[in-house]
């Protein structure tokens, strides 16, 4: 599925400024929420700050908690990051800098979804391509397939109209 997204975080001193990384494939909430939860539980050992660090290290072709050091990419030079995913950049080039943008300007990005990880609450806020907040989910509730559809109550706010 070719659904672009950005995944990142904000800082307490400027909560409207996103520090994020581009993900090329599988950016739909039904895929991203359980994938991030699995990376959080496995690679980051239930530490949302470590999850943020891992995600912000690279732009990504795709995220996959089952990636190993021996996973091969069909594209020359791309690098697997065990437990996280396949990088978008090559092994030769240094990683692109983190993308920083005001959430209110998200509509200018080539993306359909924006996910913001909150380290203090172990949650993920889901935003549309226009920056509109849809819902916030606890990572623990997203660990199992379909958990995004079964999430009891989004954390801290009501989902937007049409959201589950």
N, C-alpha and C. Protein backbone atom coordinates (compact mmCIF):
# COMPACT_ATOMS: atom_id res chain seq x y z
N UNK A 1 0.84 -1.16 0.00
CA UNK A 1 0.00 0.00 0.00
C UNK A 1 0.89 1.23 0.00
N UNK A 2 0.66 2.15 -0.90
CA UNK A 2 1.49 3.34 -1.01
C UNK A 2 0.79 4.54 -0.37
N UNK A 3 0.77 4.53 0.94
CA UNK A 3 0.19 5.62 1.71
C UNK A 3 1.33 6.27 2.48
N UNK A 4 1.66 7.50 2.14
CA UNK A 4 2.75 8.21 2.79
C UNK A 4 2.30 8.73 4.15
N UNK A 5 3.26 8.83 5.07
CA UNK A 5 2.95 9.43 6.36
C UNK A 5 4.22 10.03 6.95
N UNK A 6 4.04 10.82 7.99
CA UNK A 6 5.13 11.31 8.81
C UNK A 6 4.88 10.79 10.22
N UNK A 7 5.95 10.36 10.86
CA UNK A 7 5.89 9.91 12.25
C UNK A 7 6.93 10.68 13.02
N UNK A 8 6.54 11.20 14.16
CA UNK A 8 7.50 11.96 14.94
C UNK A 8 6.95 12.35 16.29
N UNK A 9 7.37 13.51 16.75
CA UNK A 9 7.00 13.99 18.07
C UNK A 9 7.08 15.51 18.08
N UNK A 10 6.51 16.08 19.12
CA UNK A 10 6.66 17.51 19.37
C UNK A 10 7.44 17.66 20.68
N UNK A 11 7.84 18.86 20.96
CA UNK A 11 8.55 19.15 22.21
C UNK A 11 7.64 19.98 23.10
N UNK A 12 7.72 19.78 24.42
CA UNK A 12 6.83 20.51 25.33
C UNK A 12 6.90 22.03 25.18
N UNK A 13 8.08 22.55 24.87
CA UNK A 13 8.22 24.01 24.75
C UNK A 13 7.59 24.56 23.46
N UNK A 14 7.30 23.70 22.50
CA UNK A 14 6.66 24.13 21.26
C UNK A 14 5.82 22.98 20.70
N UNK A 15 4.65 22.72 21.28
CA UNK A 15 3.85 21.54 20.93
C UNK A 15 3.23 21.58 19.53
N UNK A 16 3.32 22.68 18.83
CA UNK A 16 2.75 22.76 17.48
C UNK A 16 3.79 22.57 16.39
N UNK A 17 5.05 22.39 16.78
CA UNK A 17 6.13 22.18 15.83
C UNK A 17 6.52 20.70 15.83
N UNK A 18 6.31 20.04 14.71
CA UNK A 18 6.54 18.60 14.59
C UNK A 18 7.97 18.33 14.13
N UNK A 19 8.61 17.36 14.76
CA UNK A 19 9.90 16.82 14.33
C UNK A 19 9.58 15.42 13.86
N UNK A 20 9.66 15.18 12.55
CA UNK A 20 9.17 13.91 12.04
C UNK A 20 10.02 13.32 10.94
N UNK A 21 9.71 12.08 10.64
CA UNK A 21 10.35 11.35 9.57
C UNK A 21 9.31 10.82 8.61
N UNK A 22 9.67 10.85 7.34
CA UNK A 22 8.82 10.40 6.25
C UNK A 22 8.84 8.88 6.18
N UNK A 23 7.67 8.27 5.96
CA UNK A 23 7.55 6.83 5.72
C UNK A 23 6.83 6.68 4.39
N UNK A 24 7.46 5.97 3.45
CA UNK A 24 6.94 5.86 2.09
C UNK A 24 5.76 4.92 1.97
N UNK A 25 5.84 3.74 2.57
CA UNK A 25 4.81 2.72 2.39
C UNK A 25 4.08 2.38 3.68
N UNK A 26 2.83 1.98 3.51
CA UNK A 26 1.97 1.47 4.59
C UNK A 26 1.75 2.47 5.70
N UNK A 27 1.37 3.69 5.34
CA UNK A 27 1.16 4.74 6.32
C UNK A 27 -0.26 4.85 6.86
N UNK A 28 -1.12 3.90 6.54
CA UNK A 28 -2.50 3.95 7.02
C UNK A 28 -2.55 3.57 8.51
N UNK A 29 -3.45 4.19 9.28
CA UNK A 29 -3.52 3.89 10.72
C UNK A 29 -3.67 2.40 11.04
N UNK A 30 -4.41 1.66 10.23
CA UNK A 30 -4.59 0.23 10.50
C UNK A 30 -3.27 -0.53 10.46
N UNK A 31 -2.27 0.01 9.77
CA UNK A 31 -0.94 -0.62 9.69
C UNK A 31 0.02 0.05 10.66
N UNK A 32 0.04 1.38 10.69
CA UNK A 32 1.03 2.11 11.47
C UNK A 32 0.85 1.91 12.98
N UNK A 33 -0.36 1.98 13.47
CA UNK A 33 -0.56 1.88 14.92
C UNK A 33 -0.05 0.56 15.50
N UNK A 34 -0.45 -0.60 14.96
CA UNK A 34 0.11 -1.84 15.52
C UNK A 34 1.60 -2.01 15.24
N UNK A 35 2.09 -1.48 14.13
CA UNK A 35 3.52 -1.58 13.82
C UNK A 35 4.33 -0.77 14.82
N UNK A 36 3.93 0.48 15.08
CA UNK A 36 4.64 1.29 16.07
C UNK A 36 4.57 0.66 17.45
N UNK A 37 3.42 0.10 17.80
CA UNK A 37 3.29 -0.56 19.10
C UNK A 37 4.22 -1.76 19.21
N UNK A 38 4.36 -2.52 18.14
CA UNK A 38 5.26 -3.68 18.16
C UNK A 38 6.73 -3.24 18.25
N UNK A 39 7.10 -2.16 17.55
CA UNK A 39 8.46 -1.62 17.65
C UNK A 39 8.71 -1.10 19.07
N UNK A 40 7.71 -0.43 19.64
CA UNK A 40 7.79 0.08 21.02
C UNK A 40 7.99 -1.06 22.01
N UNK A 41 7.22 -2.14 21.84
CA UNK A 41 7.31 -3.27 22.77
C UNK A 41 8.61 -4.05 22.59
N UNK A 42 9.06 -4.23 21.35
CA UNK A 42 10.24 -5.04 21.08
C UNK A 42 11.53 -4.25 21.10
N UNK A 43 11.76 -3.50 20.05
CA UNK A 43 13.01 -2.75 19.89
C UNK A 43 13.23 -1.72 21.01
N UNK A 44 12.16 -1.01 21.39
CA UNK A 44 12.29 0.08 22.37
C UNK A 44 12.00 -0.37 23.80
N UNK A 45 11.65 -1.63 24.01
CA UNK A 45 11.41 -2.18 25.35
C UNK A 45 10.41 -1.35 26.17
N UNK A 46 9.30 -1.01 25.55
CA UNK A 46 8.21 -0.24 26.17
C UNK A 46 8.63 1.17 26.61
N UNK A 47 9.59 1.74 25.93
CA UNK A 47 10.08 3.09 26.23
C UNK A 47 9.74 3.98 25.04
N UNK A 48 8.73 4.84 25.20
CA UNK A 48 8.29 5.69 24.09
C UNK A 48 9.37 6.68 23.66
N UNK A 49 10.21 7.14 24.58
CA UNK A 49 11.31 8.03 24.20
C UNK A 49 12.29 7.29 23.29
N UNK A 50 12.56 6.01 23.58
CA UNK A 50 13.43 5.21 22.72
C UNK A 50 12.77 4.96 21.36
N UNK A 51 11.46 4.81 21.35
CA UNK A 51 10.73 4.67 20.08
C UNK A 51 10.90 5.92 19.23
N UNK A 52 10.74 7.08 19.84
CA UNK A 52 10.91 8.35 19.13
C UNK A 52 12.33 8.44 18.55
N UNK A 53 13.33 8.10 19.35
CA UNK A 53 14.72 8.15 18.90
C UNK A 53 14.93 7.23 17.70
N UNK A 54 14.38 6.01 17.77
CA UNK A 54 14.54 5.05 16.67
C UNK A 54 13.87 5.57 15.39
N UNK A 55 12.68 6.09 15.51
CA UNK A 55 11.94 6.58 14.34
C UNK A 55 12.62 7.80 13.74
N UNK A 56 13.11 8.71 14.57
CA UNK A 56 13.71 9.95 14.06
C UNK A 56 15.13 9.75 13.51
N UNK A 57 15.67 8.55 13.59
CA UNK A 57 17.02 8.29 13.10
C UNK A 57 17.11 8.29 11.57
N UNK A 58 16.00 7.98 10.88
CA UNK A 58 16.01 7.86 9.41
C UNK A 58 14.65 8.19 8.84
N UNK A 59 14.64 8.52 7.54
CA UNK A 59 13.41 8.42 6.76
C UNK A 59 13.29 6.95 6.42
N UNK A 60 12.06 6.47 6.21
CA UNK A 60 11.83 5.03 6.08
C UNK A 60 11.12 4.67 4.79
N UNK A 61 11.57 3.58 4.17
CA UNK A 61 10.81 3.00 3.07
C UNK A 61 9.56 2.37 3.68
N UNK A 62 9.76 1.59 4.73
CA UNK A 62 8.64 1.03 5.48
C UNK A 62 9.13 0.64 6.87
N UNK A 63 8.19 0.53 7.80
CA UNK A 63 8.48 0.09 9.15
C UNK A 63 8.03 -1.36 9.28
N UNK A 64 8.82 -2.15 10.01
CA UNK A 64 8.48 -3.56 10.20
C UNK A 64 9.28 -4.08 11.39
N UNK A 65 8.61 -4.43 12.49
CA UNK A 65 9.32 -4.90 13.67
C UNK A 65 10.01 -6.24 13.47
N UNK A 66 9.70 -6.94 12.37
CA UNK A 66 10.32 -8.24 12.09
C UNK A 66 11.58 -8.14 11.22
N UNK A 67 11.98 -6.93 10.87
CA UNK A 67 13.22 -6.72 10.09
C UNK A 67 14.41 -7.21 10.91
N UNK A 68 15.31 -7.90 10.23
CA UNK A 68 16.56 -8.35 10.87
C UNK A 68 17.73 -7.72 10.12
N UNK A 69 18.91 -7.89 10.66
CA UNK A 69 20.12 -7.33 10.04
C UNK A 69 20.38 -7.96 8.68
N UNK A 70 19.82 -9.14 8.43
CA UNK A 70 20.06 -9.83 7.16
C UNK A 70 18.95 -9.61 6.14
N UNK A 71 17.94 -8.83 6.49
CA UNK A 71 16.86 -8.53 5.55
C UNK A 71 17.44 -7.74 4.38
N UNK A 72 17.13 -8.17 3.17
CA UNK A 72 17.63 -7.51 1.97
C UNK A 72 16.56 -6.61 1.37
N UNK A 73 16.99 -5.48 0.89
CA UNK A 73 16.10 -4.57 0.17
C UNK A 73 16.29 -4.79 -1.32
N UNK A 74 15.23 -4.65 -2.10
CA UNK A 74 15.39 -4.76 -3.55
C UNK A 74 16.12 -3.55 -4.14
N UNK A 75 16.32 -2.51 -3.33
CA UNK A 75 16.98 -1.30 -3.80
C UNK A 75 18.39 -1.23 -3.24
N UNK A 76 19.35 -1.00 -4.09
CA UNK A 76 20.75 -0.96 -3.71
C UNK A 76 21.01 0.10 -2.65
N UNK A 77 21.72 -0.31 -1.61
CA UNK A 77 22.18 0.63 -0.60
C UNK A 77 21.25 0.86 0.55
N UNK A 78 19.99 0.48 0.46
CA UNK A 78 19.11 0.69 1.60
C UNK A 78 19.49 -0.25 2.72
N UNK A 79 19.26 0.19 3.93
CA UNK A 79 19.77 -0.52 5.09
C UNK A 79 18.64 -0.95 6.02
N UNK A 80 18.65 -2.23 6.43
CA UNK A 80 17.68 -2.65 7.42
C UNK A 80 18.11 -2.19 8.81
N UNK A 81 17.17 -1.76 9.62
CA UNK A 81 17.42 -1.45 11.02
C UNK A 81 16.64 -2.51 11.80
N UNK A 82 17.35 -3.47 12.40
CA UNK A 82 16.68 -4.58 13.07
C UNK A 82 15.63 -4.11 14.07
N UNK A 83 14.45 -4.70 13.95
CA UNK A 83 13.35 -4.40 14.86
C UNK A 83 12.60 -3.12 14.55
N UNK A 84 13.04 -2.37 13.51
CA UNK A 84 12.40 -1.10 13.20
C UNK A 84 11.89 -1.07 11.76
N UNK A 85 12.77 -1.18 10.77
CA UNK A 85 12.31 -1.12 9.39
C UNK A 85 13.44 -0.98 8.40
N UNK A 86 13.08 -0.63 7.17
CA UNK A 86 14.03 -0.45 6.07
C UNK A 86 14.16 1.04 5.79
N UNK A 87 15.39 1.54 5.84
CA UNK A 87 15.61 2.97 5.62
C UNK A 87 15.29 3.35 4.18
N UNK A 88 14.98 4.61 3.99
CA UNK A 88 14.71 5.13 2.65
C UNK A 88 16.01 5.56 1.98
N UNK A 89 16.95 6.08 2.75
CA UNK A 89 18.23 6.51 2.20
C UNK A 89 19.17 5.35 2.02
N UNK A 90 20.30 5.62 1.41
CA UNK A 90 21.27 4.56 1.16
C UNK A 90 22.30 4.48 2.28
N UNK A 91 23.07 3.40 2.27
CA UNK A 91 24.15 3.22 3.25
C UNK A 91 25.27 4.23 3.04
N UNK A 92 25.43 4.69 1.80
CA UNK A 92 26.53 5.58 1.44
C UNK A 92 26.25 7.02 1.87
N UNK A 93 25.04 7.48 1.63
CA UNK A 93 24.68 8.86 1.93
C UNK A 93 24.33 9.02 3.41
N UNK A 94 24.68 10.17 3.99
CA UNK A 94 24.25 10.40 5.37
C UNK A 94 22.73 10.57 5.40
N UNK A 95 22.09 10.27 6.54
CA UNK A 95 20.64 10.44 6.61
C UNK A 95 20.24 11.89 6.40
N UNK A 96 19.10 12.08 5.81
CA UNK A 96 18.53 13.42 5.67
C UNK A 96 18.26 13.97 7.07
N UNK A 97 18.25 15.28 7.24
CA UNK A 97 17.90 15.82 8.55
C UNK A 97 16.42 15.56 8.85
N UNK A 98 16.09 15.58 10.12
CA UNK A 98 14.71 15.43 10.55
C UNK A 98 13.89 16.55 9.93
N UNK A 99 12.70 16.23 9.47
CA UNK A 99 11.80 17.25 8.91
C UNK A 99 11.10 17.95 10.07
N UNK A 100 11.13 19.27 10.07
CA UNK A 100 10.48 20.06 11.11
C UNK A 100 9.45 20.95 10.43
N UNK A 101 8.20 20.89 10.91
CA UNK A 101 7.14 21.69 10.30
C UNK A 101 6.06 22.01 11.33
N UNK A 102 5.40 23.15 11.17
CA UNK A 102 4.26 23.45 12.04
C UNK A 102 3.10 22.53 11.65
N UNK A 103 2.45 21.97 12.62
CA UNK A 103 1.34 21.06 12.34
C UNK A 103 0.26 21.73 11.50
N UNK A 104 0.05 23.02 11.68
CA UNK A 104 -0.97 23.74 10.90
C UNK A 104 -0.61 23.85 9.41
N UNK A 105 0.64 23.54 9.04
CA UNK A 105 1.07 23.59 7.64
C UNK A 105 1.22 22.19 7.04
N UNK A 106 0.72 21.19 7.72
CA UNK A 106 0.88 19.80 7.26
C UNK A 106 0.29 19.58 5.88
N UNK A 107 -0.73 20.34 5.51
CA UNK A 107 -1.38 20.14 4.21
C UNK A 107 -0.43 20.38 3.04
N UNK A 108 0.71 21.01 3.28
CA UNK A 108 1.68 21.28 2.22
C UNK A 108 2.65 20.11 2.00
N UNK A 109 2.54 19.08 2.82
CA UNK A 109 3.42 17.92 2.70
C UNK A 109 2.79 16.86 1.81
N UNK A 110 3.63 16.03 1.24
CA UNK A 110 3.16 14.91 0.43
C UNK A 110 2.90 13.73 1.37
N UNK A 111 1.80 13.81 2.10
CA UNK A 111 1.50 12.78 3.09
C UNK A 111 0.00 12.69 3.31
N UNK A 112 -0.44 11.55 3.81
CA UNK A 112 -1.86 11.37 4.10
C UNK A 112 -2.15 11.36 5.59
N UNK A 113 -1.15 10.97 6.39
CA UNK A 113 -1.33 10.86 7.83
C UNK A 113 -0.10 11.38 8.55
N UNK A 114 -0.31 11.86 9.78
CA UNK A 114 0.78 12.29 10.65
C UNK A 114 0.53 11.64 12.01
N UNK A 115 1.58 11.01 12.54
CA UNK A 115 1.49 10.34 13.83
C UNK A 115 2.48 10.99 14.77
N UNK A 116 2.00 11.40 15.94
CA UNK A 116 2.87 12.03 16.93
C UNK A 116 2.94 11.16 18.17
N UNK A 117 4.13 10.72 18.50
CA UNK A 117 4.36 9.87 19.66
C UNK A 117 4.57 10.76 20.87
N UNK A 118 3.88 10.45 21.95
CA UNK A 118 4.02 11.21 23.20
C UNK A 118 4.72 10.32 24.22
N UNK A 119 5.95 10.67 24.55
CA UNK A 119 6.77 9.83 25.43
C UNK A 119 6.22 9.76 26.85
N UNK A 120 5.65 10.85 27.35
CA UNK A 120 5.19 10.88 28.74
C UNK A 120 3.94 10.05 28.99
N UNK A 121 3.17 9.78 27.94
CA UNK A 121 1.91 9.05 28.12
C UNK A 121 1.86 7.74 27.35
N UNK A 122 2.91 7.41 26.61
CA UNK A 122 2.94 6.20 25.77
C UNK A 122 1.73 6.16 24.83
N UNK A 123 1.52 7.28 24.15
CA UNK A 123 0.40 7.38 23.23
C UNK A 123 0.86 7.83 21.85
N UNK A 124 -0.05 7.64 20.88
CA UNK A 124 0.17 8.13 19.52
C UNK A 124 -1.04 8.96 19.13
N UNK A 125 -0.82 10.21 18.77
CA UNK A 125 -1.89 11.08 18.26
C UNK A 125 -1.91 10.95 16.75
N UNK A 126 -3.08 10.70 16.20
CA UNK A 126 -3.25 10.53 14.76
C UNK A 126 -3.86 11.81 14.20
N UNK A 127 -3.21 12.34 13.15
CA UNK A 127 -3.67 13.56 12.48
C UNK A 127 -3.84 13.27 11.00
N UNK A 128 -4.77 13.97 10.37
CA UNK A 128 -4.97 13.85 8.93
C UNK A 128 -3.89 14.65 8.21
N UNK A 129 -3.92 14.58 6.90
CA UNK A 129 -2.96 15.32 6.08
C UNK A 129 -3.09 16.83 6.26
N UNK A 130 -4.21 17.28 6.79
CA UNK A 130 -4.41 18.72 7.03
C UNK A 130 -4.04 19.11 8.45
N UNK A 131 -3.54 18.16 9.23
CA UNK A 131 -3.15 18.45 10.60
C UNK A 131 -4.28 18.30 11.60
N UNK A 132 -5.45 17.91 11.14
CA UNK A 132 -6.60 17.75 12.03
C UNK A 132 -6.41 16.51 12.90
N UNK A 133 -6.57 16.70 14.20
CA UNK A 133 -6.44 15.60 15.15
C UNK A 133 -7.65 14.68 15.01
N UNK A 134 -7.41 13.39 14.80
CA UNK A 134 -8.48 12.41 14.66
C UNK A 134 -8.71 11.70 16.00
N UNK A 135 -7.64 11.18 16.58
CA UNK A 135 -7.74 10.46 17.86
C UNK A 135 -6.34 10.23 18.40
N UNK A 136 -6.29 9.84 19.67
CA UNK A 136 -5.03 9.48 20.31
C UNK A 136 -5.20 8.11 20.93
N UNK A 137 -4.22 7.22 20.72
CA UNK A 137 -4.31 5.85 21.18
C UNK A 137 -3.14 5.50 22.08
N UNK A 138 -3.40 4.70 23.11
CA UNK A 138 -2.33 4.14 23.92
C UNK A 138 -1.60 3.09 23.10
N UNK A 139 -0.28 3.11 23.14
CA UNK A 139 0.52 2.11 22.43
C UNK A 139 0.15 0.69 22.86
N UNK A 140 -0.06 0.49 24.13
CA UNK A 140 -0.37 -0.85 24.64
C UNK A 140 -1.65 -1.40 24.01
N UNK A 141 -2.61 -0.53 23.70
CA UNK A 141 -3.88 -0.97 23.09
C UNK A 141 -3.73 -1.30 21.61
N UNK A 142 -2.61 -0.96 21.02
CA UNK A 142 -2.40 -1.17 19.59
C UNK A 142 -1.50 -2.36 19.31
N UNK A 143 -1.14 -3.13 20.32
CA UNK A 143 -0.18 -4.21 20.14
C UNK A 143 -0.66 -5.37 19.30
N UNK A 144 -1.93 -5.61 19.23
CA UNK A 144 -2.43 -6.78 18.52
C UNK A 144 -3.11 -6.37 17.23
N UNK A 145 -3.07 -7.23 16.20
CA UNK A 145 -3.72 -6.89 14.93
C UNK A 145 -5.17 -6.47 15.15
N UNK A 146 -5.54 -5.38 14.49
CA UNK A 146 -6.90 -4.87 14.61
C UNK A 146 -7.13 -4.03 15.84
N UNK A 147 -6.11 -3.85 16.68
CA UNK A 147 -6.29 -3.10 17.91
C UNK A 147 -6.68 -1.65 17.64
N UNK A 148 -6.23 -1.10 16.53
CA UNK A 148 -6.60 0.28 16.21
C UNK A 148 -8.11 0.39 16.04
N UNK A 149 -8.75 -0.68 15.53
CA UNK A 149 -10.20 -0.67 15.38
C UNK A 149 -10.91 -0.93 16.70
N UNK A 150 -10.22 -1.61 17.64
CA UNK A 150 -10.85 -1.98 18.90
C UNK A 150 -10.50 -1.02 20.03
N UNK A 151 -9.71 -0.02 19.78
CA UNK A 151 -9.26 0.87 20.87
C UNK A 151 -10.47 1.36 21.64
N UNK A 152 -10.44 1.14 22.95
CA UNK A 152 -11.58 1.46 23.80
C UNK A 152 -11.97 2.93 23.67
N UNK A 153 -11.21 3.78 24.27
CA UNK A 153 -11.44 5.22 24.20
C UNK A 153 -10.13 5.87 23.81
N UNK A 154 -10.13 6.69 22.80
CA UNK A 154 -8.90 7.42 22.50
C UNK A 154 -8.50 8.23 23.72
N UNK A 155 -7.23 8.34 23.95
CA UNK A 155 -6.69 9.06 25.09
C UNK A 155 -6.88 10.56 24.93
N UNK A 156 -7.42 11.19 25.93
CA UNK A 156 -7.42 12.64 26.01
C UNK A 156 -8.36 13.41 25.13
N UNK A 157 -9.08 12.75 24.22
CA UNK A 157 -10.00 13.51 23.38
C UNK A 157 -10.96 12.55 22.69
N UNK A 158 -12.00 13.11 22.21
CA UNK A 158 -12.97 12.35 21.44
C UNK A 158 -12.49 12.25 20.01
N UNK A 159 -12.72 11.10 19.34
CA UNK A 159 -12.33 11.01 17.94
C UNK A 159 -13.16 11.97 17.09
N UNK A 160 -12.59 12.39 15.99
CA UNK A 160 -13.31 13.26 15.06
C UNK A 160 -14.47 12.48 14.45
N UNK A 161 -15.42 13.18 13.88
CA UNK A 161 -16.57 12.55 13.25
C UNK A 161 -16.09 11.55 12.22
N UNK A 162 -16.66 10.35 12.27
CA UNK A 162 -16.28 9.32 11.33
C UNK A 162 -15.13 8.46 11.79
N UNK A 163 -14.43 8.85 12.83
CA UNK A 163 -13.34 8.04 13.35
C UNK A 163 -13.90 7.04 14.34
N UNK A 164 -13.21 5.96 14.52
CA UNK A 164 -13.64 4.95 15.49
C UNK A 164 -13.18 5.29 16.85
